[in-house]
Every structure is written in C-alpha cells, then in structure tokens.
Amino acid sequence: MTLRRLERSGMVSRTVLDTSPVAVEYAISALGRTLAGPFSALYRWAVAYQDQVEGARRAFDAQRGKGARRLTLSRARK
C-alpha cells in the first residue's frame, strides 16, 4: 500500500507545503482514524497468539524441509 493509494482511499490527507524545496505533509484522516480499533484488536491478537503462530511456522517449515522458501506479503501479492 502506498501513500498515494491511502490518499485515494481517504485514509490520509496530503498537504503540499509552500517551502523551498517543496515539501509534502501527510496526516491520518478522520476515515483513517476509524481503523484504530480494528488495528488495535489485530495487534492484541498477534501478541496473544505469537507463540502459536511461530509454532505453526516451525511445523510448516519442518514438513517441507530446510529448503522451504518463506512466503512474504510482497511475494503473495504477485
């Protein structure tokens, strides 16, 4: 997700500052702030279940051998 996409979706606002050199300032919009609760819940879940997630990853990797490639979000989107 890029800042431009977040701006397009209304999650952030972009202000071009009249300075030399020109600068840009981003701020979370009112719509973007509505995600604070869901993100907070996701964070609390990730902390609470971190050990189980790591265990699942170790089990997955062990099943596929040492040469298993890790799947990252950037690879998953391709």
N, C-alpha and C. Protein backbone atom coordinates (compact mmCIF):
# COMPACT_ATOMS: atom_id res chain seq x y z
N MET A 1 0.86 -1.17 0.00
CA MET A 1 0.00 0.00 0.00
C MET A 1 0.91 1.23 0.00
N THR A 2 0.64 2.13 -0.90
CA THR A 2 1.42 3.36 -0.99
C THR A 2 0.65 4.51 -0.36
N LEU A 3 1.37 5.58 -0.06
CA LEU A 3 0.71 6.77 0.48
C LEU A 3 -0.32 7.30 -0.52
N ARG A 4 -0.01 7.21 -1.80
CA ARG A 4 -0.95 7.70 -2.82
C ARG A 4 -2.24 6.87 -2.78
N ARG A 5 -2.12 5.57 -2.62
CA ARG A 5 -3.32 4.72 -2.54
C ARG A 5 -4.10 5.01 -1.27
N LEU A 6 -3.40 5.23 -0.17
CA LEU A 6 -4.08 5.57 1.08
C LEU A 6 -4.81 6.91 0.94
N GLU A 7 -4.18 7.85 0.24
CA GLU A 7 -4.83 9.15 0.00
C GLU A 7 -6.06 8.96 -0.88
N ARG A 8 -5.92 8.18 -1.93
CA ARG A 8 -7.04 7.93 -2.84
C ARG A 8 -8.22 7.30 -2.13
N SER A 9 -7.92 6.44 -1.15
CA SER A 9 -8.97 5.74 -0.39
C SER A 9 -9.51 6.57 0.76
N GLY A 10 -8.95 7.76 0.97
CA GLY A 10 -9.44 8.63 2.03
C GLY A 10 -8.86 8.34 3.41
N MET A 11 -7.81 7.51 3.46
CA MET A 11 -7.22 7.15 4.76
C MET A 11 -6.27 8.22 5.28
N VAL A 12 -5.64 8.95 4.36
CA VAL A 12 -4.72 10.02 4.74
C VAL A 12 -5.02 11.26 3.90
N SER A 13 -4.61 12.39 4.43
CA SER A 13 -4.71 13.63 3.66
C SER A 13 -3.29 14.08 3.33
N ARG A 14 -3.14 14.76 2.20
CA ARG A 14 -1.83 15.20 1.72
C ARG A 14 -1.87 16.70 1.54
N THR A 15 -0.88 17.37 2.12
CA THR A 15 -0.78 18.82 2.00
C THR A 15 0.58 19.17 1.44
N VAL A 16 0.60 19.92 0.34
CA VAL A 16 1.85 20.40 -0.24
C VAL A 16 2.20 21.70 0.45
N LEU A 17 3.39 21.75 1.04
CA LEU A 17 3.82 22.94 1.78
C LEU A 17 4.56 23.89 0.84
N ASP A 18 4.27 25.17 0.97
CA ASP A 18 4.88 26.19 0.12
C ASP A 18 6.24 26.57 0.69
N THR A 19 7.19 25.65 0.51
CA THR A 19 8.54 25.87 1.02
C THR A 19 9.52 25.63 -0.12
N SER A 20 10.76 25.95 0.12
CA SER A 20 11.79 25.68 -0.87
C SER A 20 12.87 24.82 -0.22
N PRO A 21 13.07 23.60 -0.63
CA PRO A 21 12.32 22.91 -1.66
C PRO A 21 10.92 22.54 -1.17
N VAL A 22 10.06 22.25 -2.13
CA VAL A 22 8.67 21.91 -1.81
C VAL A 22 8.65 20.66 -0.93
N ALA A 23 7.79 20.67 0.07
CA ALA A 23 7.65 19.53 0.97
C ALA A 23 6.19 19.09 0.98
N VAL A 24 5.98 17.85 1.36
CA VAL A 24 4.63 17.29 1.44
C VAL A 24 4.43 16.74 2.84
N GLU A 25 3.25 17.00 3.39
CA GLU A 25 2.92 16.51 4.72
C GLU A 25 1.69 15.60 4.61
N TYR A 26 1.77 14.44 5.24
CA TYR A 26 0.65 13.50 5.28
C TYR A 26 0.10 13.44 6.70
N ALA A 27 -1.20 13.27 6.81
CA ALA A 27 -1.85 13.12 8.12
C ALA A 27 -2.96 12.08 7.99
N ILE A 28 -3.21 11.36 9.06
CA ILE A 28 -4.31 10.40 9.07
C ILE A 28 -5.62 11.17 9.04
N SER A 29 -6.50 10.77 8.17
CA SER A 29 -7.80 11.44 8.04
C SER A 29 -8.78 10.90 9.09
N ALA A 30 -9.93 11.53 9.16
CA ALA A 30 -10.97 11.05 10.08
C ALA A 30 -11.37 9.61 9.72
N LEU A 31 -11.47 9.32 8.42
CA LEU A 31 -11.80 7.95 7.99
C LEU A 31 -10.68 6.99 8.40
N GLY A 32 -9.45 7.41 8.22
CA GLY A 32 -8.32 6.57 8.62
C GLY A 32 -8.31 6.28 10.11
N ARG A 33 -8.70 7.26 10.91
CA ARG A 33 -8.75 7.05 12.37
C ARG A 33 -9.78 6.02 12.78
N THR A 34 -10.77 5.76 11.93
CA THR A 34 -11.76 4.74 12.27
C THR A 34 -11.14 3.34 12.29
N LEU A 35 -9.95 3.19 11.73
CA LEU A 35 -9.26 1.90 11.74
C LEU A 35 -8.47 1.65 13.01
N ALA A 36 -8.41 2.62 13.90
CA ALA A 36 -7.63 2.46 15.13
C ALA A 36 -8.11 1.26 15.94
N GLY A 37 -9.40 1.09 16.08
CA GLY A 37 -9.94 -0.04 16.85
C GLY A 37 -9.62 -1.39 16.23
N PRO A 38 -9.91 -1.58 14.92
CA PRO A 38 -9.56 -2.85 14.28
C PRO A 38 -8.06 -3.14 14.31
N PHE A 39 -7.22 -2.14 14.06
CA PHE A 39 -5.77 -2.37 14.10
C PHE A 39 -5.31 -2.71 15.51
N SER A 40 -5.88 -2.06 16.50
CA SER A 40 -5.54 -2.36 17.89
C SER A 40 -5.93 -3.79 18.24
N ALA A 41 -7.11 -4.21 17.80
CA ALA A 41 -7.55 -5.59 18.06
C ALA A 41 -6.63 -6.59 17.37
N LEU A 42 -6.23 -6.31 16.13
CA LEU A 42 -5.33 -7.20 15.41
C LEU A 42 -3.98 -7.28 16.11
N TYR A 43 -3.48 -6.16 16.58
CA TYR A 43 -2.21 -6.14 17.30
C TYR A 43 -2.30 -6.98 18.58
N ARG A 44 -3.36 -6.78 19.34
CA ARG A 44 -3.52 -7.56 20.58
C ARG A 44 -3.60 -9.06 20.28
N TRP A 45 -4.31 -9.42 19.20
CA TRP A 45 -4.39 -10.82 18.81
C TRP A 45 -3.00 -11.36 18.46
N ALA A 46 -2.24 -10.59 17.66
CA ALA A 46 -0.92 -11.03 17.23
C ALA A 46 0.01 -11.23 18.42
N VAL A 47 -0.06 -10.36 19.39
CA VAL A 47 0.77 -10.50 20.60
C VAL A 47 0.32 -11.73 21.40
N ALA A 48 -0.99 -11.90 21.56
CA ALA A 48 -1.51 -13.00 22.36
C ALA A 48 -1.20 -14.36 21.75
N TYR A 49 -1.18 -14.45 20.43
CA TYR A 49 -1.01 -15.73 19.75
C TYR A 49 0.35 -15.88 19.06
N GLN A 50 1.29 -15.02 19.41
CA GLN A 50 2.61 -15.04 18.78
C GLN A 50 3.28 -16.40 18.90
N ASP A 51 3.23 -17.02 20.07
CA ASP A 51 3.87 -18.32 20.26
C ASP A 51 3.24 -19.39 19.38
N GLN A 52 1.91 -19.40 19.28
CA GLN A 52 1.23 -20.39 18.44
C GLN A 52 1.54 -20.18 16.95
N VAL A 53 1.60 -18.94 16.53
CA VAL A 53 1.92 -18.64 15.13
C VAL A 53 3.33 -19.10 14.81
N GLU A 54 4.28 -18.81 15.70
CA GLU A 54 5.66 -19.24 15.49
C GLU A 54 5.75 -20.76 15.47
N GLY A 55 5.00 -21.43 16.35
CA GLY A 55 4.97 -22.89 16.35
C GLY A 55 4.43 -23.44 15.05
N ALA A 56 3.38 -22.85 14.54
CA ALA A 56 2.80 -23.28 13.27
C ALA A 56 3.80 -23.08 12.13
N ARG A 57 4.53 -21.98 12.16
CA ARG A 57 5.54 -21.73 11.13
C ARG A 57 6.65 -22.77 11.19
N ARG A 58 7.11 -23.08 12.41
CA ARG A 58 8.16 -24.08 12.56
C ARG A 58 7.68 -25.44 12.05
N ALA A 59 6.45 -25.82 12.38
CA ALA A 59 5.90 -27.09 11.93
C ALA A 59 5.78 -27.11 10.41
N PHE A 60 5.32 -26.03 9.83
CA PHE A 60 5.19 -25.93 8.37
C PHE A 60 6.55 -26.09 7.71
N ASP A 61 7.54 -25.34 8.20
CA ASP A 61 8.89 -25.40 7.64
C ASP A 61 9.49 -26.79 7.79
N ALA A 62 9.27 -27.43 8.93
CA ALA A 62 9.82 -28.77 9.17
C ALA A 62 9.23 -29.79 8.21
N GLN A 63 7.96 -29.66 7.89
CA GLN A 63 7.30 -30.58 6.96
C GLN A 63 7.87 -30.46 5.56
N ARG A 64 8.28 -29.29 5.20
CA ARG A 64 8.76 -29.03 3.84
C ARG A 64 10.26 -29.05 3.70
N GLY A 65 10.96 -29.31 4.78
CA GLY A 65 12.42 -29.39 4.74
C GLY A 65 13.08 -28.04 4.87
N LYS A 66 14.39 -28.10 4.99
CA LYS A 66 15.17 -26.88 5.23
C LYS A 66 15.16 -25.93 4.04
N GLY A 67 14.91 -26.45 2.83
CA GLY A 67 14.95 -25.60 1.64
C GLY A 67 13.65 -24.86 1.37
N ALA A 68 12.70 -24.93 2.29
CA ALA A 68 11.40 -24.27 2.06
C ALA A 68 11.59 -22.76 1.98
N ARG A 69 10.94 -22.15 0.99
CA ARG A 69 11.00 -20.69 0.85
C ARG A 69 9.94 -20.06 1.72
N ARG A 70 10.29 -18.96 2.32
CA ARG A 70 9.31 -18.23 3.13
C ARG A 70 8.41 -17.42 2.22
N LEU A 71 7.13 -17.43 2.52
CA LEU A 71 6.16 -16.64 1.76
C LEU A 71 5.97 -15.31 2.47
N THR A 72 6.32 -14.23 1.81
CA THR A 72 6.14 -12.90 2.38
C THR A 72 4.95 -12.25 1.71
N LEU A 73 4.47 -11.18 2.32
CA LEU A 73 3.33 -10.46 1.75
C LEU A 73 3.65 -9.95 0.35
N SER A 74 4.86 -9.48 0.12
CA SER A 74 5.19 -8.95 -1.20
C SER A 74 5.16 -10.06 -2.25
N ARG A 75 5.60 -11.26 -1.90
CA ARG A 75 5.53 -12.38 -2.84
C ARG A 75 4.10 -12.86 -3.01
N ALA A 76 3.30 -12.80 -1.97
CA ALA A 76 1.92 -13.28 -2.03
C ALA A 76 1.08 -12.44 -2.98
N ARG A 77 1.39 -11.16 -3.10
CA ARG A 77 0.61 -10.26 -3.95
C ARG A 77 0.89 -10.45 -5.43
N LYS A 78 2.02 -11.04 -5.78
CA LYS A 78 2.41 -11.16 -7.20
C LYS A 78 1.58 -12.16 -7.93
